[in-house]
C-alpha cells in the first residue's frame, strides 16, 4: 500500500516554507537560504549588504569580511512562522569569523538549520499512523574576504546544502524528498577612506559604503529526477550604508538594500539554467515586472557609547509578488566581549505568518579593532 504524509504536515511544509520565501519569480528549491539569519540585520528591515561589518557578513556580503579584524562567534534562534504556534518549527544560525593576518584576510563559516517539524506517515487506505519522520534543511558555508585595495574588498562563499523534506516518495514517484546540492557566492564592497562629494567639498570617507552580492550560484536541486529539478534561489543584492552621525558616544547608520531573484521560468514551468537565467530573469520580463520582482529593505541603527543599540526598519515586497510587507524593530547590548541582539517583525496584514517573529542572537567578540 502507498504511504503518504499527513495533510497537516504537507500544508505546513508547502505554505510555511515555499509561499513566503519564494514567491517572486516562480518557485525555487531550498528558499530557507534567503531567510535573514541574524537579529541585527533583521531589526533593520533585513538590510545588510552595504554594511557587512560583522560575522553575519558571510550571509549578507562575504566581501565585508575583508575589512574586519579579530574574531566573533554568534548563535541565532527563532521560532519560525509563529502564527502557526508550532514549537518544532524553528530556525537556527551559527557563524564564526577569524582574521588571518598572515593571509591578508578573514575566514568565516556558518551553519544554517531550518527544522520543519515532525510528520506522520499513513497509508492510502488507513489513516492510522504507521511511521513518522522529521523534516529539516541545513546548509554549511565557508567564506573568505580580502582587500584588493585600501577601499575595495572582495569575498566568496562555498556552500553545501542538504534538504531532507521526506525519506519516502509520494504517489507513484520513485524518488524521495531528500536532495544534496552546492552553491557559491561572490561579493564586492566599496568602503572608501576618503570620498569628496563634488561641488560640496565634503569628505564622506568612512561614512559611506556600497556592496554587491551574487548568491546561490549552482546547479538545480533534484529530488525525484532531473526533469523535475528546481533552481536554487540565486539572488542579486545591492546595498548601501550611510553613517550621517558618528562621534565619541553616538553613531547612526542607515542601510538600504535591493534584492532580486535571478530565476526565470517559462509559461510551461520549465526553468532556465545558469548562467542563462542571469540574463533572462531581466530580459524576459518587462520593466514593470522587473521592478515588481525587486524587494526593498530600509533600516536604521543607533548606538550609544558602543554599548546600547536601537534599530528599526521596513521590508517591502510588491503585493503581486508575495506581499511580504512589515516593520521591524530591534535592540542590542554589548558588554566586554559579549553581546546580545534581538529583533521583532510587525506585519501590516493581520495574522500574517511572519508577524510577531522574534530572533535572538548571542555573540562573543575578541581582538576587534577600535
Foldseek 3Di string as FASTA:
>chain_A
DFKDWDPVLVVCVCCQQFLQQALFADTFPPSVLVPLAAFVCLQFQNFDQFPLQALCCLSNFLQNQAPWAFKKKKKKKWQALCLVVDNQFIKIKIKMKHADVVVATIKMKMKIKTWSAKIFMDHPVDPDGDDMDTWMKMKIKIKMKHAPDPFKIKMKMKMKIWGPGDCDPGDPFPFTGIWIWIFMKIKMKGQAQWDADPPVRDTQHNFKMKMKMWTGATWFIDGGDPVPTGRHQTKIKIKMKGWPDDDQFKTKIKMKMKMAGLWHADPVGHTDHPPVSNPCSPVVDDPVSRVQRIKMKIKMWMGGNNAKIWMKIWIAHHPSRSGFTWIKIKMKGDDDQKIKIKMATDGPDPSDSRHGMMMIMIMGTPPTDD
